[in-house]
């Protein structure tokens, strides 16, 4: 079955960086667009970034443009989210997502906390 396992979250100071990873299995990763979402306490889940199956096309939410970079390694079946210049508003649970055969699949999420 489809599995998405996120890692790399943690506590970081404002201005710091983190790199999240999402290891995928159970579907054809190499032909699937992948996305990162996040959800802060009391807020709706929002799209952070999307990457095409080839990695040539990426899209970002307005709040992270210029600071976050999504990438993928189709040999390792892994998608990454490099997060720079983090600020407290980036505090959230970050989720990996794929839509496979019209069904949305989510990982368990990884907590990112930005605080001094």
Protein backbone atom coordinates (compact mmCIF):
# COMPACT_ATOMS: atom_id res chain seq x y z
CA UNK A 1 0.00 0.00 0.00
CA UNK A 2 0.99 3.64 -0.33
CA UNK A 3 3.31 4.78 2.44
CA UNK A 4 4.77 8.21 3.02
CA UNK A 5 7.20 8.66 5.90
CA UNK A 6 8.37 12.16 6.79
CA UNK A 7 11.46 12.97 8.81
CA UNK A 8 13.72 15.88 9.60
CA UNK A 9 11.51 18.10 11.71
CA UNK A 10 12.56 19.64 14.98
CA UNK A 11 13.15 22.82 16.92
CA UNK A 12 15.06 25.59 15.18
CA UNK A 13 15.76 29.22 15.98
CA UNK A 14 14.36 32.04 13.82
CA UNK A 15 16.52 32.50 10.76
CA UNK A 16 17.62 28.88 10.82
CA UNK A 17 17.22 26.06 8.33
CA UNK A 18 15.86 22.53 8.22
CA UNK A 19 15.57 19.89 5.53
CA UNK A 20 12.58 17.59 5.56
CA UNK A 21 12.53 14.23 3.80
CA UNK A 22 9.65 12.04 2.70
CA UNK A 23 10.36 8.41 1.83
CA UNK A 24 7.69 6.99 -0.46
CA UNK A 25 6.66 3.45 -1.33
CA UNK A 26 3.73 1.46 -2.65
CA UNK A 27 3.13 3.45 -5.84
CA UNK A 28 4.93 4.61 -8.96
CA UNK A 29 6.90 7.44 -7.40
CA UNK A 30 8.78 8.29 -10.58
CA UNK A 31 5.63 9.29 -12.45
CA UNK A 32 3.86 11.06 -9.59
CA UNK A 33 3.77 14.71 -8.64
CA UNK A 34 4.50 15.18 -4.95
CA UNK A 35 3.54 17.91 -2.51
CA UNK A 36 4.31 19.23 0.93
CA UNK A 37 1.54 20.70 3.08
CA UNK A 38 1.57 22.13 6.57
CA UNK A 39 -0.95 22.69 9.31
CA UNK A 40 -0.48 25.07 12.20
CA UNK A 41 -2.57 24.82 15.39
CA UNK A 42 -6.06 26.19 14.80
CA UNK A 43 -5.46 26.70 11.09
CA UNK A 44 -6.41 24.84 7.94
CA UNK A 45 -3.90 22.68 6.15
CA UNK A 46 -2.15 24.71 3.45
CA UNK A 47 -0.13 23.82 0.40
CA UNK A 48 3.56 24.59 0.80
CA UNK A 49 5.10 23.26 -2.40
CA UNK A 50 4.54 20.89 -5.31
CA UNK A 51 7.00 19.22 -7.66
CA UNK A 52 6.27 17.48 -10.95
CA UNK A 53 7.22 13.85 -11.56
CA UNK A 54 10.36 14.89 -13.40
CA UNK A 55 11.32 17.61 -10.97
CA UNK A 56 11.36 20.23 -13.71
CA UNK A 57 8.29 22.11 -12.48
CA UNK A 58 7.80 23.41 -8.97
CA UNK A 59 5.20 25.64 -7.34
CA UNK A 60 5.21 27.30 -3.94
CA UNK A 61 2.78 28.92 -1.58
CA UNK A 62 3.16 32.67 -1.39
CA UNK A 63 4.32 32.58 2.21
CA UNK A 64 7.35 30.38 1.46
CA UNK A 65 8.46 31.60 -1.98
CA UNK A 66 12.14 32.41 -2.04
CA UNK A 67 12.81 30.61 1.25
CA UNK A 68 11.78 26.99 0.67
CA UNK A 69 12.92 24.62 -2.07
CA UNK A 70 11.27 21.33 -3.00
CA UNK A 71 13.29 18.65 -4.75
CA UNK A 72 13.17 14.92 -5.40
CA UNK A 73 15.36 11.91 -6.01
CA UNK A 74 13.54 9.38 -8.17
CA UNK A 75 16.21 6.76 -7.55
CA UNK A 76 15.66 6.97 -3.80
CA UNK A 77 11.89 7.49 -3.99
CA UNK A 78 12.31 10.51 -1.77
CA UNK A 79 11.08 14.09 -1.86
CA UNK A 80 12.74 16.87 0.11
CA UNK A 81 11.84 20.28 1.43
CA UNK A 82 14.73 22.61 2.16
CA UNK A 83 13.53 25.38 4.46
CA UNK A 84 15.67 28.48 4.97
CA UNK A 85 15.13 31.76 6.83
CA UNK A 86 12.57 30.11 9.06
CA UNK A 87 10.34 32.29 11.19
CA UNK A 88 7.83 31.50 13.96
CA UNK A 89 4.96 31.61 11.44
CA UNK A 90 6.45 28.50 9.82
CA UNK A 91 5.73 26.48 12.96
CA UNK A 92 3.44 23.62 11.93
CA UNK A 93 3.17 19.93 11.27
CA UNK A 94 4.48 19.29 7.77
CA UNK A 95 2.92 16.55 5.67
CA UNK A 96 3.99 14.79 2.51
CA UNK A 97 1.24 14.17 -0.03
CA UNK A 98 0.59 12.25 -3.21
CA UNK A 99 -2.56 11.80 -5.22
CA UNK A 100 -2.60 8.28 -6.63
CA UNK A 101 -5.53 6.96 -8.61
CA UNK A 102 -7.58 9.98 -7.47
CA UNK A 103 -6.98 9.22 -3.79
CA UNK A 104 -5.06 11.59 -1.55
CA UNK A 105 -2.43 9.93 0.63
CA UNK A 106 -0.70 11.57 3.57
CA UNK A 107 2.23 10.79 5.78
CA UNK A 108 2.06 10.96 9.56
CA UNK A 109 3.62 14.41 9.57
CA UNK A 110 6.73 15.89 11.14
CA UNK A 111 6.66 18.77 13.61
CA UNK A 112 8.62 21.91 12.84
CA UNK A 113 8.88 24.47 15.63
CA UNK A 114 10.59 27.82 15.09
CA UNK A 115 11.31 29.52 18.38
CA UNK A 116 14.07 31.25 20.25
